C-alpha atoms as a PDB file:
ATOM      1  CA  MET A   1      -2.986  -3.339 -21.380  1.00  0.00           C
ATOM      2  CA  ASP A   2       0.337  -5.442 -21.186  1.00  0.00           C
ATOM      3  CA  ASN A   3       1.736  -3.204 -18.330  1.00  0.00           C
ATOM      4  CA  ILE A   4      -1.137  -4.609 -15.948  1.00  0.00           C
ATOM      5  CA  LYS A   5      -0.072  -7.526 -13.858  1.00  0.00           C
ATOM      6  CA  GLY A   6      -2.405  -8.916 -11.171  1.00  0.00           C
ATOM      7  CA  ASN A   7      -3.183  -5.850  -8.903  1.00  0.00           C
ATOM      8  CA  ASP A   8       0.097  -3.685 -10.069  1.00  0.00           C
ATOM      9  CA  PHE A   9       0.185  -1.112 -12.794  1.00  0.00           C
ATOM     10  CA  ASP A  10       3.455  -0.253 -13.945  1.00  0.00           C
ATOM     11  CA  LEU A  11       2.941   3.443 -14.269  1.00  0.00           C
ATOM     12  CA  SER A  12       2.323   5.851 -11.075  1.00  0.00           C
ATOM     13  CA  PRO A  13      -0.699   8.199 -11.598  1.00  0.00           C
ATOM     14  CA  GLU A  14       2.050  11.242 -10.959  1.00  0.00           C
ATOM     15  CA  LEU A  15       3.813  10.012 -14.158  1.00  0.00           C
ATOM     16  CA  LEU A  16       0.778   9.480 -16.100  1.00  0.00           C
ATOM     17  CA  ASP A  17      -0.194  13.015 -15.313  1.00  0.00           C
ATOM     18  CA  GLN A  18       3.227  14.235 -16.781  1.00  0.00           C
ATOM     19  CA  ILE A  19       2.844  12.116 -19.792  1.00  0.00           C
ATOM     20  CA  GLN A  20      -0.624  13.313 -20.531  1.00  0.00           C
ATOM     21  CA  THR A  21       0.536  16.924 -20.330  1.00  0.00           C
ATOM     22  CA  ASN A  22       3.611  16.574 -22.453  1.00  0.00           C
ATOM     23  CA  ILE A  23       1.650  14.617 -25.316  1.00  0.00           C
ATOM     24  CA  GLU A  24      -1.071  17.517 -25.316  1.00  0.00           C
ATOM     25  CA  GLU A  25       1.640  20.163 -25.660  1.00  0.00           C
ATOM     26  CA  ILE A  26       3.264  17.949 -28.709  1.00  0.00           C
ATOM     27  CA  ILE A  27       0.044  17.637 -30.608  1.00  0.00           C
ATOM     28  CA  LYS A  28      -0.671  21.421 -30.169  1.00  0.00           C
ATOM     29  CA  SER A  29       2.462  22.169 -31.982  1.00  0.00           C
ATOM     30  CA  PHE A  30       1.557  19.776 -34.877  1.00  0.00           C
ATOM     31  CA  PRO A  31       1.137  21.543 -38.092  1.00  0.00           C
ATOM     32  CA  ILE A  32      -2.417  20.336 -38.752  1.00  0.00           C
ATOM     33  CA  ALA A  33      -6.096  21.569 -38.532  1.00  0.00           C
ATOM     34  CA  GLU A  34      -7.000  23.041 -35.160  1.00  0.00           C
ATOM     35  CA  ASN A  35     -10.377  20.813 -35.142  1.00  0.00           C
ATOM     36  CA  ASN A  36      -8.119  17.776 -35.909  1.00  0.00           C
ATOM     37  CA  LYS A  37      -5.775  18.692 -32.610  1.00  0.00           C
ATOM     38  CA  ILE A  38      -8.753  18.882 -30.645  1.00  0.00           C
ATOM     39  CA  ASP A  39     -10.218  15.463 -31.735  1.00  0.00           C
ATOM     40  CA  VAL A  40      -6.901  13.793 -31.151  1.00  0.00           C
ATOM     41  CA  ILE A  41      -6.738  15.604 -27.574  1.00  0.00           C
ATOM     42  CA  LYS A  42     -10.203  14.306 -26.545  1.00  0.00           C
ATOM     43  CA  LYS A  43      -9.234  10.649 -27.773  1.00  0.00           C
ATOM     44  CA  ILE A  44      -5.933  10.846 -25.628  1.00  0.00           C
ATOM     45  CA  ASN A  45      -7.881  12.524 -22.589  1.00  0.00           C
ATOM     46  CA  PHE A  46     -10.530   9.572 -22.568  1.00  0.00           C
ATOM     47  CA  MET A  47      -7.609   6.870 -22.778  1.00  0.00           C
ATOM     48  CA  TYR A  48      -5.433   8.905 -20.047  1.00  0.00           C
ATOM     49  CA  SER A  49      -8.716   8.737 -17.817  1.00  0.00           C
ATOM     50  CA  HIS A  50      -9.101   5.053 -18.183  1.00  0.00           C
ATOM     51  CA  THR A  51      -5.518   4.311 -17.806  1.00  0.00           C
ATOM     52  CA  ARG A  52      -5.284   6.543 -14.565  1.00  0.00           C
ATOM     53  CA  HIS A  53      -8.177   4.683 -13.073  1.00  0.00           C
ATOM     54  CA  LEU A  54      -6.710   1.434 -13.820  1.00  0.00           C
ATOM     55  CA  SER A  55      -3.662   2.630 -12.012  1.00  0.00           C
ATOM     56  CA  VAL A  56      -5.369   3.460  -8.652  1.00  0.00           C
ATOM     57  CA  THR A  57      -8.050   0.539  -8.616  1.00  0.00           C
ATOM     58  CA  ASP A  58      -8.126  -2.929  -7.486  1.00  0.00           C
ATOM     59  CA  PRO A  59      -9.514  -4.973 -10.678  1.00  0.00           C
ATOM     60  CA  LEU A  60     -11.389  -7.690  -8.507  1.00  0.00           C
ATOM     61  CA  THR A  61     -13.275  -5.508  -6.115  1.00  0.00           C
ATOM     62  CA  GLY A  62     -13.385  -2.030  -7.893  1.00  0.00           C
ATOM     63  CA  LEU A  63     -12.132  -0.723  -4.541  1.00  0.00           C
ATOM     64  CA  TYR A  64      -8.807   1.624  -4.508  1.00  0.00           C
ATOM     65  CA  ASN A  65      -5.584  -0.196  -4.541  1.00  0.00           C
ATOM     66  CA  ARG A  66      -2.803  -0.368  -1.816  1.00  0.00           C
ATOM     67  CA  ARG A  67      -0.786   1.944  -4.031  1.00  0.00           C
ATOM     68  CA  HIS A  68      -3.378   4.636  -3.784  1.00  0.00           C
ATOM     69  CA  PHE A  69      -3.791   3.837  -0.367  1.00  0.00           C
ATOM     70  CA  GLU A  70      -0.295   4.842   0.575  1.00  0.00           C
ATOM     71  CA  THR A  71      -0.446   8.160  -1.219  1.00  0.00           C
ATOM     72  CA  THR A  72      -3.874   8.917   0.098  1.00  0.00           C
ATOM     73  CA  ILE A  73      -3.106   8.255   3.813  1.00  0.00           C
ATOM     74  CA  GLU A  74      -0.164  10.199   3.594  1.00  0.00           C
ATOM     75  CA  ARG A  75      -2.046  13.367   2.063  1.00  0.00           C
ATOM     76  CA  GLU A  76      -4.873  13.085   4.474  1.00  0.00           C
ATOM     77  CA  PHE A  77      -2.673  12.656   7.677  1.00  0.00           C
ATOM     78  CA  LEU A  78      -0.604  15.749   6.652  1.00  0.00           C
ATOM     79  CA  ARG A  79      -3.772  17.509   6.255  1.00  0.00           C
ATOM     80  CA  ALA A  80      -5.119  16.344   9.678  1.00  0.00           C
ATOM     81  CA  GLN A  81      -1.443  17.465  11.344  1.00  0.00           C
ATOM     82  CA  ARG A  82      -1.691  20.948   9.716  1.00  0.00           C
ATOM     83  CA  TYR A  83      -5.315  21.764  10.344  1.00  0.00           C
ATOM     84  CA  LYS A  84      -6.069  19.928  13.611  1.00  0.00           C
ATOM     85  CA  SER A  85      -8.845  18.103  11.918  1.00  0.00           C
ATOM     86  CA  ASP A  86      -9.998  14.679  12.527  1.00  0.00           C
ATOM     87  CA  LEU A  87      -9.120  11.536  10.667  1.00  0.00           C
ATOM     88  CA  SER A  88      -9.957   7.816  11.513  1.00  0.00           C
ATOM     89  CA  ILE A  89      -8.795   4.597   9.937  1.00  0.00           C
ATOM     90  CA  ALA A  90     -10.519   1.103   9.759  1.00  0.00           C
ATOM     91  CA  LEU A  91      -8.792  -2.209   9.137  1.00  0.00           C
ATOM     92  CA  MET A  92     -11.147  -5.034   8.030  1.00  0.00           C
ATOM     93  CA  ASP A  93     -10.323  -8.590   7.832  1.00  0.00           C
ATOM     94  CA  VAL A  94     -12.986 -11.541   6.569  1.00  0.00           C
ATOM     95  CA  ASP A  95     -13.393 -13.993   9.165  1.00  0.00           C
ATOM     96  CA  PHE A  96     -12.160 -17.582   8.215  1.00  0.00           C
ATOM     97  CA  PHE A  97     -11.483 -16.481   4.710  1.00  0.00           C
ATOM     98  CA  LYS A  98      -9.136 -19.417   3.951  1.00  0.00           C
ATOM     99  CA  LYS A  99     -12.000 -21.652   4.941  1.00  0.00           C
ATOM    100  CA  ILE A 100     -14.359 -20.256   2.546  1.00  0.00           C
ATOM    101  CA  ASN A 101     -11.758 -20.774  -0.300  1.00  0.00           C
ATOM    102  CA  ASP A 102     -10.797 -24.241   0.896  1.00  0.00           C
ATOM    103  CA  THR A 103     -14.540 -25.242   1.068  1.00  0.00           C
ATOM    104  CA  TYR A 104     -16.147 -23.603  -1.928  1.00  0.00           C
ATOM    105  CA  GLY A 105     -13.196 -22.542  -3.965  1.00  0.00           C
ATOM    106  CA  HIS A 106     -11.285 -19.361  -4.851  1.00  0.00           C
ATOM    107  CA  LEU A 107     -14.037 -17.995  -7.303  1.00  0.00           C
ATOM    108  CA  CYS A 108     -16.510 -18.050  -4.150  1.00  0.00           C
ATOM    109  CA  GLY A 109     -13.886 -16.266  -2.384  1.00  0.00           C
ATOM    110  CA  ASP A 110     -13.513 -13.807  -5.034  1.00  0.00           C
ATOM    111  CA  TYR A 111     -17.450 -13.342  -4.778  1.00  0.00           C
ATOM    112  CA  VAL A 112     -17.489 -12.927  -1.206  1.00  0.00           C
ATOM    113  CA  LEU A 113     -14.702  -9.677  -1.548  1.00  0.00           C
ATOM    114  CA  ARG A 114     -16.820  -8.213  -4.244  1.00  0.00           C
ATOM    115  CA  GLU A 115     -19.980  -8.082  -2.371  1.00  0.00           C
ATOM    116  CA  ILE A 116     -18.294  -6.831   0.637  1.00  0.00           C
ATOM    117  CA  ALA A 117     -16.606  -4.295  -1.472  1.00  0.00           C
ATOM    118  CA  TYR A 118     -20.221  -3.214  -2.384  1.00  0.00           C
ATOM    119  CA  LEU A 119     -21.717  -3.380   0.979  1.00  0.00           C
ATOM    120  CA  THR A 120     -18.816  -0.992   2.311  1.00  0.00           C
ATOM    121  CA  LEU A 121     -19.160   1.357  -0.464  1.00  0.00           C
ATOM    122  CA  GLU A 122     -22.778   1.513   0.236  1.00  0.00           C
ATOM    123  CA  ASN A 123     -22.280   2.192   3.882  1.00  0.00           C
ATOM    124  CA  PHE A 124     -19.715   5.100   3.857  1.00  0.00           C
ATOM    125  CA  ARG A 125     -19.740   8.806   2.391  1.00  0.00           C
ATOM    126  CA  LYS A 126     -18.129   9.703  -0.939  1.00  0.00           C
ATOM    127  CA  THR A 127     -15.732  11.845   0.930  1.00  0.00           C
ATOM    128  CA  ASP A 128     -14.456   8.554   2.724  1.00  0.00           C
ATOM    129  CA  PHE A 129     -11.931   6.260   0.824  1.00  0.00           C
ATOM    130  CA  VAL A 130     -12.159   2.473   0.755  1.00  0.00           C
ATOM    131  CA  PHE A 131      -9.123   0.383  -0.185  1.00  0.00           C
ATOM    132  CA  ARG A 132      -8.309  -3.270  -0.784  1.00  0.00           C
ATOM    133  CA  TYR A 133      -5.294  -3.310   1.156  1.00  0.00           C
ATOM    134  CA  GLY A 134      -4.382  -6.991   0.383  1.00  0.00           C
ATOM    135  CA  GLY A 135      -5.936 -10.365   0.434  1.00  0.00           C
ATOM    136  CA  GLU A 136      -9.036 -10.188   2.418  1.00  0.00           C
ATOM    137  CA  GLU A 137      -8.110  -6.861   4.337  1.00  0.00           C
ATOM    138  CA  ILE A 138     -10.026  -3.585   3.429  1.00  0.00           C
ATOM    139  CA  VAL A 139      -8.824  -0.326   4.927  1.00  0.00           C
ATOM    140  CA  ILE A 140     -11.416   2.497   5.261  1.00  0.00           C
ATOM    141  CA  LEU A 141     -10.146   6.145   5.730  1.00  0.00           C
ATOM    142  CA  LEU A 142     -12.697   8.491   7.235  1.00  0.00           C
ATOM    143  CA  THR A 143     -12.094  11.832   6.721  1.00  0.00           C
ATOM    144  CA  GLU A 144     -13.232  14.649   9.370  1.00  0.00           C
ATOM    145  CA  THR A 145     -14.502  11.983  11.636  1.00  0.00           C
ATOM    146  CA  PRO A 146     -13.135  11.266  15.211  1.00  0.00           C
ATOM    147  CA  LEU A 147     -12.750   7.846  16.504  1.00  0.00           C
ATOM    148  CA  ASP A 148     -15.721   7.732  18.532  1.00  0.00           C
ATOM    149  CA  LYS A 149     -17.969   8.712  15.465  1.00  0.00           C
ATOM    150  CA  ALA A 150     -16.129   6.740  13.337  1.00  0.00           C
ATOM    151  CA  VAL A 151     -17.100   3.393  15.369  1.00  0.00           C
ATOM    152  CA  ILE A 152     -20.769   4.155  14.427  1.00  0.00           C
ATOM    153  CA  PRO A 153     -20.638   3.491  10.670  1.00  0.00           C
ATOM    154  CA  ILE A 154     -17.915   0.836  10.897  1.00  0.00           C
ATOM    155  CA  GLU A 155     -20.410  -1.111  13.328  1.00  0.00           C
ATOM    156  CA  ARG A 156     -23.268  -0.667  10.986  1.00  0.00           C
ATOM    157  CA  LEU A 157     -21.018  -2.268   8.230  1.00  0.00           C
ATOM    158  CA  ARG A 158     -19.988  -5.207  10.443  1.00  0.00           C
ATOM    159  CA  LYS A 159     -23.749  -5.661  11.231  1.00  0.00           C
ATOM    160  CA  ALA A 160     -24.912  -5.474   7.170  1.00  0.00           C
ATOM    161  CA  ILE A 161     -22.251  -7.876   6.363  1.00  0.00           C
ATOM    162  CA  GLU A 162     -23.342 -10.166   8.921  1.00  0.00           C
ATOM    163  CA  GLU A 163     -27.026 -10.169   7.919  1.00  0.00           C
ATOM    164  CA  TYR A 164     -26.247 -10.290   4.013  1.00  0.00           C
ATOM    165  CA  PRO A 165     -27.766 -13.187   2.193  1.00  0.00           C
ATOM    166  CA  PHE A 166     -24.268 -14.382   0.650  1.00  0.00           C
ATOM    167  CA  CYS A 167     -25.176 -17.311  -1.734  1.00  0.00           C
ATOM    168  CA  TYR A 168     -22.640 -18.947  -4.205  1.00  0.00           C
ATOM    169  CA  ASP A 169     -23.369 -21.747  -6.618  1.00  0.00           C
ATOM    170  CA  CYS A 170     -26.894 -22.564  -4.495  1.00  0.00           C
ATOM    171  CA  ASN A 171     -24.607 -22.523  -1.347  1.00  0.00           C
ATOM    172  CA  SER A 172     -25.942 -20.266   1.242  1.00  0.00           C
ATOM    173  CA  MET A 173     -23.194 -18.902   3.946  1.00  0.00           C
ATOM    174  CA  LYS A 174     -22.718 -16.568   6.571  1.00  0.00           C
ATOM    175  CA  ILE A 175     -19.923 -14.413   6.251  1.00  0.00           C
ATOM    176  CA  THR A 176     -18.394 -12.056   9.090  1.00  0.00           C
ATOM    177  CA  VAL A 177     -15.700  -9.522   9.474  1.00  0.00           C
ATOM    178  CA  SER A 178     -13.312  -8.081  12.219  1.00  0.00           C
ATOM    179  CA  ILE A 179     -12.341  -4.772  12.353  1.00  0.00           C
ATOM    180  CA  GLY A 180      -9.950  -2.541  14.215  1.00  0.00           C
ATOM    181  CA  VAL A 181     -10.366   1.235  14.050  1.00  0.00           C
ATOM    182  CA  GLU A 182      -7.731   4.164  15.190  1.00  0.00           C
ATOM    183  CA  GLY A 183      -8.260   7.871  15.163  1.00  0.00           C
ATOM    184  CA  PHE A 184      -5.827  10.653  14.730  1.00  0.00           C
ATOM    185  CA  ASN A 185      -4.575  12.253  18.067  1.00  0.00           C
ATOM    186  CA  GLU A 186      -1.435  13.752  19.450  1.00  0.00           C
ATOM    187  CA  ASN A 187       0.265  10.714  20.048  1.00  0.00           C
ATOM    188  CA  ILE A 188      -0.168   9.750  16.476  1.00  0.00           C
ATOM    189  CA  GLU A 189       3.398  10.750  14.756  1.00  0.00           C
ATOM    190  CA  THR A 190       3.016   8.799  11.258  1.00  0.00           C
ATOM    191  CA  PRO A 191       0.548   7.509   8.863  1.00  0.00           C
ATOM    192  CA  ASP A 192       2.116   3.903   9.885  1.00  0.00           C
ATOM    193  CA  ASP A 193       1.301   4.638  13.599  1.00  0.00           C
ATOM    194  CA  MET A 194      -2.407   4.801  12.862  1.00  0.00           C
ATOM    195  CA  LEU A 195      -2.294   1.535  10.668  1.00  0.00           C
ATOM    196  CA  ASN A 196      -0.341  -0.297  13.217  1.00  0.00           C
ATOM    197  CA  ASN A 197      -2.846   0.721  15.823  1.00  0.00           C
ATOM    198  CA  ALA A 198      -5.606  -0.191  13.829  1.00  0.00           C
ATOM    199  CA  ASP A 199      -3.948  -3.696  13.338  1.00  0.00           C
ATOM    200  CA  LYS A 200      -3.645  -4.208  16.654  1.00  0.00           C
ATOM    201  CA  ALA A 201      -7.025  -3.602  17.637  1.00  0.00           C
ATOM    202  CA  LEU A 202      -7.997  -5.943  14.695  1.00  0.00           C
ATOM    203  CA  TYR A 203      -5.931  -8.568  16.050  1.00  0.00           C
ATOM    204  CA  LEU A 204      -7.579  -8.173  19.573  1.00  0.00           C
ATOM    205  CA  ALA A 205     -11.132  -8.254  17.872  1.00  0.00           C
ATOM    206  CA  LYS A 206      -9.919 -11.724  16.329  1.00  0.00           C
ATOM    207  CA  GLU A 207      -8.689 -12.800  19.827  1.00  0.00           C
ATOM    208  CA  ARG A 208     -11.954 -11.834  21.400  1.00  0.00           C
ATOM    209  CA  GLY A 209     -13.957 -13.932  19.094  1.00  0.00           C
ATOM    210  CA  ARG A 210     -14.060 -12.364  15.814  1.00  0.00           C
ATOM    211  CA  ASN A 211     -17.292 -10.580  14.238  1.00  0.00           C
ATOM    212  CA  GLN A 212     -16.934  -7.177  16.308  1.00  0.00           C
ATOM    213  CA  VAL A 213     -15.274  -3.949  16.055  1.00  0.00           C
ATOM    214  CA  ILE A 214     -12.502  -2.912  18.338  1.00  0.00           C
ATOM    215  CA  SER A 215     -11.065   0.565  18.617  1.00  0.00           C
ATOM    216  CA  SER A 216      -7.647   1.306  19.834  1.00  0.00           C
ATOM    217  CA  LEU A 217      -9.021   2.799  23.034  1.00  0.00           C
ATOM    218  CA  ALA A 218      -9.371  -0.964  24.180  1.00  0.00           C
ATOM    219  CA  LEU A 219      -5.476  -1.535  23.570  1.00  0.00           C
END
């Protein structure tokens, strides 16, 4: 566990896969009883699964981390390009998050992020991906979903957060989020284009008063 520092994990999932495969091959070559080999391999596979999970997961929220976002969006973007399929991305930011930390403390901020992570996972399909992008920013990748359809669950999430009874250390608080949404189209050339457009839409949502969803069509 010494390799875990904050939100980072020193070994990439790809390297972990290779290490696990190599270890299995080494164990199979040992001059020991076959049953013993199987037991050792089972234990190694269990530890490997746990380690791999840590390598792609944000420890605070349980969401996928930024490293996993970068590999996932690259894969899903190439798939959308190749098969002409739909793909949408939403960038969500907690409104006035610094004020929450300054008023109630950073542990309260952590609580808010965990609750929002829970609400986000509850409002999306298992085929979608939710990532903690950094700080109070969360990215949602909606597979097989065009921009106009993506706005519907995103707006549902915004409302769910607005209506959720956040309460920390006997302090009730109203939390809202601003969200920018972009969908894959012929003018998008790279995954960064999608993320940048979602970020511009998010900035516009904040300019217009926060607590709202803005799609790239408004840019």
